[in-house]
Amino acid sequence: MTQIDVPNSPGFFISRWREKGPVEIEVLEQWKEEMNIESWLMIAEASMFLDAAELLELIEKELSPAEKATLGLVRRRMLGDMHLEQAINDAIQIAKAPETRDLKLEGRLRMERGLSRFEAGDTEGADEDLTWAEIRLKSVAKASRDHDLSLLNKAAFHMATGAPLMALAVYADISRNSGHANETIAISRLGASRIRASLGHMFDAARHAWNAHAHAIKASQINMAIEAGTLFIELSLENIDSDAELMKDQVSKAKPRSADESEPVLKVNEKDIEDVFLWCHSMLPESYSGEQRPDLRAMVSIAAKINKLELFSNLLENPDDVEDSMLVAIVQACISDDELKSKWNQRLTVLTLENL
């Protein structure tokens, strides 16, 4: 299911501790307020992930019983424990008890139990818990990190159980104007784009991919921005129109349609395709290594289609630097020079033998 990176603020908090700590809890409280971090639990989780043991020991004393139970689950999961349902049930009871009640954490814990049940094959129980968690978190912590996770996990659940239209409905609940994190919006629009494309709704598919690209950039999620950008280009290449409005204007004018309204015809200005392509190209890592390079696969394939393969001249001249056999096959199919094609064919042979 879906995960969202630990927000930057707790990470900055840890960095500040390492630069200026150790300090007393009163100073930590000032830092927490300055960074607008909503709970000690977020800092405790970041301390655990980032191996700040001394800080974690100090902060654990500030946690409520429900927060301590939740942190215990996080710790067990980090250690590889996959048998967590009883521990989750115990934590839920703590979050529900009148004297230790925490409505938000109860929602998060029900989400955790839903994921655990899904992994155990209990689809009905998973559906019940994930739905309950989303409703609770929407009511007490709308657009928070946990609410965003509950929405994305519910959509992932629908996709895993063969209900893409249900997933699309969940993605639609993640409004771009309701305070959701840019990363959440990007993930949801990327998923919605793929669903729309599978249904033949090309305008909506391209629009969602465009929005995913833009919000991934805002979230500094470069790999996701490249993934969304290349998807936008691939959806658009057969629908280029020099008179088309720029996509930002088309997106701003888009609005929900009734069932009897026809979908707009996808028309994409060449400038949008070039701008997105050049941005993605500028953000690619310098290295060509790595056994799985979907970013380079997509970009090289697109470059060949829009006559920009010269931007990858260094890659084309160094087949031995590439470790992704699928990328090698794509490059081989894109080049016409016989001598160069022969070198790439030799590289594909080597990688194929290595993988036997």
Protein backbone atom coordinates (compact mmCIF):
# COMPACT_ATOMS: atom_id res chain seq x y z
CA MET A 1 0.00 0.00 0.00
CA THR A 2 0.98 3.66 -0.09
CA GLN A 3 3.56 5.40 2.07
CA ILE A 4 4.31 9.09 2.32
CA ASP A 5 7.77 10.27 3.29
CA VAL A 6 8.20 11.61 6.81
CA PRO A 7 7.51 15.37 6.50
CA ASN A 8 10.47 17.71 6.26
CA SER A 9 9.78 19.49 9.57
CA PRO A 10 10.61 16.48 11.80
CA GLY A 11 13.69 15.87 9.67
CA PHE A 12 14.79 19.48 10.18
CA PHE A 13 14.05 19.03 13.88
CA ILE A 14 16.48 16.10 14.01
CA SER A 15 19.11 18.12 12.13
CA ARG A 16 18.70 20.97 14.59
CA TRP A 17 19.12 18.57 17.49
CA ARG A 18 22.34 17.21 16.01
CA GLU A 19 23.69 20.70 15.45
CA LYS A 20 22.65 22.32 18.76
CA GLY A 21 21.76 19.47 21.09
CA PRO A 22 21.51 17.96 23.51
CA VAL A 23 19.09 20.50 24.98
CA GLU A 24 16.40 20.38 27.63
CA ILE A 25 12.77 19.53 26.89
CA GLU A 26 11.78 23.20 27.28
CA VAL A 27 13.98 24.12 24.31
CA LEU A 28 12.58 21.21 22.30
CA GLU A 29 9.09 22.52 22.99
CA GLN A 30 10.11 25.90 21.55
CA TRP A 31 11.53 24.23 18.44
CA LYS A 32 8.37 22.16 18.03
CA GLU A 33 6.23 25.29 18.19
CA GLU A 34 8.49 27.23 15.81
CA MET A 35 8.32 24.42 13.21
CA ASN A 36 4.58 24.00 13.68
CA ILE A 37 4.91 20.25 14.29
CA GLU A 38 1.58 18.98 15.51
CA SER A 39 2.70 16.17 17.83
CA TRP A 40 5.65 14.67 19.68
CA LEU A 41 4.83 11.39 17.99
CA MET A 42 5.89 12.75 14.60
CA ILE A 43 9.26 13.74 16.05
CA ALA A 44 9.60 10.41 17.85
CA GLU A 45 8.98 8.50 14.61
CA ALA A 46 11.51 10.66 12.76
CA SER A 47 14.03 10.10 15.58
CA MET A 48 13.57 6.37 15.22
CA PHE A 49 13.92 6.39 11.43
CA LEU A 50 16.93 8.72 11.52
CA ASP A 51 18.66 6.94 14.42
CA ALA A 52 18.56 9.79 16.93
CA ALA A 53 18.36 7.50 19.98
CA GLU A 54 19.19 10.10 22.64
CA LEU A 55 16.50 12.46 21.37
CA LEU A 56 14.01 9.61 21.12
CA GLU A 57 14.62 8.64 24.75
CA LEU A 58 13.89 12.22 25.82
CA ILE A 59 10.76 12.61 23.70
CA GLU A 60 9.20 9.27 24.62
CA LYS A 61 8.55 10.68 28.09
CA GLU A 62 6.25 13.29 26.48
CA LEU A 63 4.09 10.79 24.61
CA SER A 64 0.57 9.89 25.64
CA PRO A 65 -0.31 6.22 26.24
CA ALA A 66 -1.91 5.97 22.79
CA GLU A 67 1.13 7.58 21.16
CA LYS A 68 3.47 5.18 23.00
CA ALA A 69 1.41 2.22 21.78
CA THR A 70 1.55 3.55 18.20
CA LEU A 71 5.29 4.13 18.39
CA GLY A 72 5.69 0.57 19.64
CA LEU A 73 3.98 -0.68 16.49
CA VAL A 74 6.26 1.45 14.31
CA ARG A 75 9.29 0.05 16.13
CA ARG A 76 8.14 -3.55 15.67
CA ARG A 77 7.49 -2.99 11.99
CA MET A 78 10.96 -1.49 11.55
CA LEU A 79 12.38 -4.64 13.12
CA GLY A 80 10.53 -6.77 10.57
CA ASP A 81 7.69 -8.05 12.74
CA MET A 82 4.75 -8.84 10.45
CA HIS A 83 2.44 -10.34 13.11
CA LEU A 84 1.02 -7.14 14.47
CA GLU A 85 -2.76 -7.48 14.52
CA GLN A 86 -3.04 -8.29 18.24
CA ALA A 87 -0.69 -5.43 19.09
CA ILE A 88 -2.77 -3.14 16.87
CA ASN A 89 -5.95 -4.28 18.63
CA ASP A 90 -4.36 -3.53 22.01
CA ALA A 91 -3.32 -0.07 20.82
CA ILE A 92 -6.84 0.60 19.48
CA GLN A 93 -8.27 -0.22 22.92
CA ILE A 94 -5.90 2.31 24.49
CA ALA A 95 -6.92 4.97 21.92
CA LYS A 96 -10.62 4.20 22.60
CA ALA A 97 -10.52 4.09 26.39
CA PRO A 98 -12.13 7.21 27.97
CA GLU A 99 -9.11 8.03 30.10
CA THR A 100 -6.57 7.70 27.22
CA ARG A 101 -8.79 8.47 24.22
CA ASP A 102 -7.21 9.86 21.05
CA LEU A 103 -9.65 10.11 18.13
CA LYS A 104 -7.01 10.78 15.49
CA LEU A 105 -4.76 7.91 16.55
CA GLU A 106 -7.73 5.57 16.67
CA GLY A 107 -8.29 6.42 13.00
CA ARG A 108 -4.64 5.81 12.17
CA LEU A 109 -4.62 2.51 14.05
CA ARG A 110 -7.75 1.31 12.28
CA MET A 111 -5.97 2.10 9.02
CA GLU A 112 -2.98 0.07 10.23
CA ARG A 113 -5.27 -2.84 11.06
CA GLY A 114 -6.92 -2.59 7.65
CA LEU A 115 -3.52 -2.91 5.97
CA SER A 116 -2.62 -5.82 8.22
CA ARG A 117 -5.89 -7.57 7.39
CA PHE A 118 -5.39 -7.01 3.67
CA GLU A 119 -1.93 -8.58 3.89
CA ALA A 120 -3.50 -11.56 5.69
CA GLY A 121 -6.10 -12.00 2.95
CA ASP A 122 -9.07 -10.63 4.92
CA THR A 123 -10.47 -8.38 2.17
CA GLU A 124 -13.79 -7.70 3.87
CA GLY A 125 -12.16 -6.77 7.18
CA ALA A 126 -9.61 -4.59 5.39
CA ASP A 127 -12.35 -2.72 3.52
CA GLU A 128 -14.26 -2.09 6.75
CA ASP A 129 -11.23 -0.78 8.63
CA LEU A 130 -9.88 1.37 5.80
CA THR A 131 -13.28 2.96 5.24
CA TRP A 132 -13.78 3.58 8.96
CA ALA A 133 -10.32 5.12 9.26
CA GLU A 134 -10.83 7.48 6.32
CA ILE A 135 -14.16 8.72 7.68
CA ARG A 136 -12.75 9.26 11.17
CA LEU A 137 -9.62 11.03 9.98
CA LYS A 138 -11.62 13.22 7.63
CA SER A 139 -13.71 14.37 10.59
CA VAL A 140 -10.90 15.02 13.08
CA ALA A 141 -7.76 15.64 10.98
CA LYS A 142 -8.78 16.48 7.42
CA ALA A 143 -5.87 16.82 4.98
CA SER A 144 -3.39 15.73 7.65
CA ARG A 145 -0.65 13.25 6.78
CA ASP A 146 -2.67 10.39 8.27
CA HIS A 147 -5.85 11.41 6.43
CA ASP A 148 -3.91 11.64 3.17
CA LEU A 149 -2.47 8.18 3.79
CA SER A 150 -5.92 6.78 4.53
CA LEU A 151 -7.23 8.07 1.19
CA LEU A 152 -4.27 6.78 -0.81
CA ASN A 153 -4.39 3.39 0.92
CA LYS A 154 -8.13 3.10 0.30
CA ALA A 155 -7.56 3.82 -3.40
CA ALA A 156 -4.70 1.29 -3.49
CA PHE A 157 -7.00 -1.26 -1.86
CA HIS A 158 -9.63 -0.74 -4.58
CA MET A 159 -7.00 -1.14 -7.30
CA ALA A 160 -5.68 -4.33 -5.68
CA THR A 161 -9.19 -5.78 -5.54
CA GLY A 162 -10.04 -4.94 -9.16
CA ALA A 163 -12.23 -1.89 -8.59
CA PRO A 164 -10.51 0.97 -10.48
CA LEU A 165 -13.64 3.13 -10.65
CA MET A 166 -13.89 3.00 -6.86
CA ALA A 167 -10.24 4.04 -6.68
CA LEU A 168 -10.99 6.90 -9.07
CA ALA A 169 -13.78 8.07 -6.77
CA VAL A 170 -11.37 8.11 -3.82
CA TYR A 171 -8.80 10.08 -5.82
CA ALA A 172 -11.52 12.60 -6.64
CA ASP A 173 -11.89 13.28 -2.91
CA ILE A 174 -8.32 14.60 -2.85
CA SER A 175 -9.04 18.15 -3.97
CA ARG A 176 -6.17 20.36 -5.08
CA ASN A 177 -7.70 23.19 -3.06
CA SER A 178 -8.35 21.47 0.28
CA GLY A 179 -4.95 21.60 1.93
CA HIS A 180 -3.72 18.13 1.00
CA ALA A 181 0.05 17.72 0.69
CA ASN A 182 1.47 18.25 -2.79
CA GLU A 183 2.92 14.74 -2.68
CA THR A 184 -0.53 13.30 -1.96
CA ILE A 185 -2.07 15.25 -4.84
CA ALA A 186 0.70 14.09 -7.17
CA ILE A 187 0.25 10.41 -6.23
CA SER A 188 -3.52 10.63 -6.62
CA ARG A 189 -3.38 12.36 -9.99
CA LEU A 190 -0.83 9.90 -11.30
CA GLY A 191 -3.12 7.03 -10.33
CA ALA A 192 -6.18 8.79 -11.74
CA SER A 193 -4.35 9.44 -15.03
CA ARG A 194 -3.59 5.77 -15.53
CA ILE A 195 -7.17 4.76 -14.75
CA ARG A 196 -8.58 7.38 -17.13
CA ALA A 197 -6.18 6.27 -19.87
CA SER A 198 -7.29 2.65 -19.45
CA LEU A 199 -10.88 3.82 -19.97
CA GLY A 200 -9.99 5.78 -23.11
CA HIS A 201 -10.62 9.16 -21.43
CA MET A 202 -7.55 10.80 -22.95
CA PHE A 203 -8.24 14.44 -22.06
CA ASP A 204 -8.74 13.63 -18.39
CA ALA A 205 -5.77 11.25 -18.42
CA ALA A 206 -3.46 13.95 -19.81
CA ARG A 207 -4.89 16.60 -17.47
CA HIS A 208 -4.28 14.43 -14.42
CA ALA A 209 -0.75 13.57 -15.56
CA TRP A 210 -0.03 17.28 -16.02
CA ASN A 211 -1.27 18.04 -12.51
CA ALA A 212 0.71 15.13 -11.07
CA HIS A 213 3.87 16.49 -12.72
CA ALA A 214 3.27 20.00 -11.36
CA HIS A 215 2.50 18.91 -7.80
CA ALA A 216 5.38 16.44 -7.69
CA ILE A 217 7.70 19.33 -8.57
CA LYS A 218 6.19 21.38 -5.73
CA ALA A 219 6.76 18.46 -3.38
CA SER A 220 10.39 18.09 -4.56
CA GLN A 221 9.61 14.51 -5.60
CA ILE A 222 11.81 14.52 -8.71
CA ASN A 223 11.42 10.87 -9.71
CA MET A 224 7.65 11.14 -9.48
CA ALA A 225 7.70 14.39 -11.46
CA ILE A 226 9.67 12.68 -14.23
CA GLU A 227 7.30 9.70 -14.17
CA ALA A 228 4.25 11.97 -14.44
CA GLY A 229 5.88 14.21 -17.02
CA THR A 230 6.78 11.33 -19.33
CA LEU A 231 3.28 9.91 -18.91
CA PHE A 232 1.81 13.28 -19.93
CA ILE A 233 4.01 13.37 -23.04
CA GLU A 234 3.21 9.78 -24.02
CA LEU A 235 -0.52 10.49 -23.73
CA SER A 236 -0.16 13.68 -25.75
CA LEU A 237 2.09 12.77 -28.68
CA GLU A 238 -0.76 11.69 -30.95
CA ASN A 239 -2.82 14.74 -30.07
CA ILE A 240 -0.50 17.65 -30.91
CA ASP A 241 -2.22 20.80 -32.19
CA SER A 242 -0.26 24.01 -32.72
CA ASP A 243 -3.41 26.03 -32.04
CA ALA A 244 -4.19 24.30 -28.72
CA GLU A 245 -4.28 26.32 -25.53
CA LEU A 246 -1.44 25.76 -23.11
CA MET A 247 -2.26 22.95 -20.72
CA LYS A 248 -2.19 25.22 -17.67
CA ASP A 249 -5.09 27.15 -19.19
CA GLN A 250 -6.96 23.99 -20.14
CA VAL A 251 -6.51 22.66 -16.60
CA SER A 252 -7.72 25.89 -15.01
CA LYS A 253 -10.91 25.77 -17.11
CA ALA A 254 -11.64 22.08 -16.48
CA LYS A 255 -14.70 21.38 -14.34
CA PRO A 256 -16.80 18.36 -13.38
CA ARG A 257 -19.07 17.10 -16.15
CA SER A 258 -22.52 15.57 -15.96
CA ALA A 259 -23.09 12.04 -17.26
CA ASP A 260 -24.59 13.29 -20.52
CA GLU A 261 -21.76 15.72 -21.33
CA SER A 262 -19.13 14.56 -23.78
CA GLU A 263 -15.46 14.57 -22.85
CA PRO A 264 -13.31 17.37 -24.34
CA VAL A 265 -11.06 16.31 -27.20
CA LEU A 266 -7.43 16.18 -26.15
CA LYS A 267 -5.33 18.79 -27.97
CA VAL A 268 -1.85 19.59 -26.74
CA ASN A 269 0.38 22.46 -27.73
CA GLU A 270 3.90 21.44 -28.80
CA LYS A 271 5.33 23.95 -26.32
CA ASP A 272 3.88 22.00 -23.39
CA ILE A 273 5.47 18.79 -24.62
CA GLU A 274 8.84 20.43 -25.17
CA ASP A 275 8.82 22.25 -21.83
CA VAL A 276 7.94 19.12 -19.87
CA PHE A 277 10.47 17.03 -21.78
CA LEU A 278 13.31 19.50 -21.27
CA TRP A 279 12.51 19.84 -17.56
CA CYS A 280 12.55 16.05 -17.13
CA HIS A 281 15.79 15.80 -19.11
CA SER A 282 17.44 18.47 -16.96
CA MET A 283 16.58 16.52 -13.79
CA LEU A 284 17.87 13.11 -14.87
CA PRO A 285 20.83 11.77 -12.85
CA GLU A 286 24.17 12.00 -14.62
CA SER A 287 24.82 8.28 -14.13
CA TYR A 288 23.30 5.69 -16.45
CA SER A 289 23.88 2.81 -14.03
CA GLY A 290 21.19 0.86 -12.22
CA GLU A 291 19.43 -2.37 -13.17
CA GLN A 292 16.05 -0.63 -13.27
CA ARG A 293 15.99 2.76 -15.00
CA PRO A 294 12.37 3.44 -16.01
CA ASP A 295 13.16 7.17 -16.15
CA LEU A 296 15.73 6.69 -18.91
CA ARG A 297 13.60 4.13 -20.72
CA ALA A 298 10.72 6.57 -21.01
CA MET A 299 12.87 9.58 -21.85
CA VAL A 300 14.95 7.87 -24.54
CA SER A 301 11.82 6.43 -26.15
CA ILE A 302 10.16 9.85 -26.18
CA ALA A 303 13.34 11.56 -27.44
CA ALA A 304 13.36 9.27 -30.46
CA LYS A 305 9.73 10.15 -31.22
CA ILE A 306 10.20 13.93 -30.98
CA ASN A 307 13.60 14.06 -32.70
CA LYS A 308 15.62 14.96 -29.63
CA LEU A 309 17.77 11.84 -29.41
CA GLU A 310 20.87 14.04 -29.73
CA LEU A 311 20.31 15.08 -26.10
CA PHE A 312 21.33 11.53 -25.18
CA SER A 313 24.46 11.41 -27.36
CA ASN A 314 26.70 10.64 -24.37
CA LEU A 315 24.46 7.73 -23.38
CA LEU A 316 24.36 6.41 -26.94
CA GLU A 317 28.15 6.36 -27.12
CA ASN A 318 28.61 4.46 -23.84
CA PRO A 319 26.61 1.23 -23.87
CA ASP A 320 28.88 -0.35 -21.26
CA ASP A 321 27.68 2.19 -18.69
CA VAL A 322 24.11 0.86 -18.88
CA GLU A 323 23.01 -2.01 -16.61
CA ASP A 324 19.28 -2.05 -17.43
CA SER A 325 18.74 -4.64 -20.18
CA MET A 326 15.35 -3.19 -21.10
CA LEU A 327 16.90 0.25 -21.56
CA VAL A 328 19.54 -1.33 -23.77
CA ALA A 329 16.84 -2.89 -25.94
CA ILE A 330 15.04 0.45 -26.24
CA VAL A 331 18.21 2.30 -27.22
CA GLN A 332 19.04 -0.40 -29.75
CA ALA A 333 15.61 0.01 -31.36
CA CYS A 334 15.97 3.80 -31.51
CA ILE A 335 19.34 4.12 -33.26
CA SER A 336 19.98 3.64 -36.96
CA ASP A 337 23.78 3.67 -37.15
CA ASP A 338 24.82 0.07 -37.86
CA GLU A 339 28.14 0.25 -36.01
CA LEU A 340 26.53 1.75 -32.92
CA LYS A 341 23.64 -0.70 -33.09
CA SER A 342 26.16 -3.54 -33.10
CA LYS A 343 27.76 -2.23 -29.89
CA TRP A 344 24.39 -2.06 -28.19
CA ASN A 345 23.57 -5.54 -29.40
CA GLN A 346 26.79 -6.81 -27.79
CA ARG A 347 25.87 -5.06 -24.55
CA LEU A 348 22.42 -6.66 -24.57
CA THR A 349 24.03 -10.07 -25.08
CA VAL A 350 26.35 -9.53 -22.09
CA LEU A 351 23.51 -8.42 -19.78
CA THR A 352 21.31 -11.30 -20.92
CA LEU A 353 24.03 -13.85 -20.13
CA GLU A 354 24.68 -12.25 -16.74
CA ASN A 355 21.01 -12.62 -15.84
CA LEU A 356 20.78 -16.31 -16.78
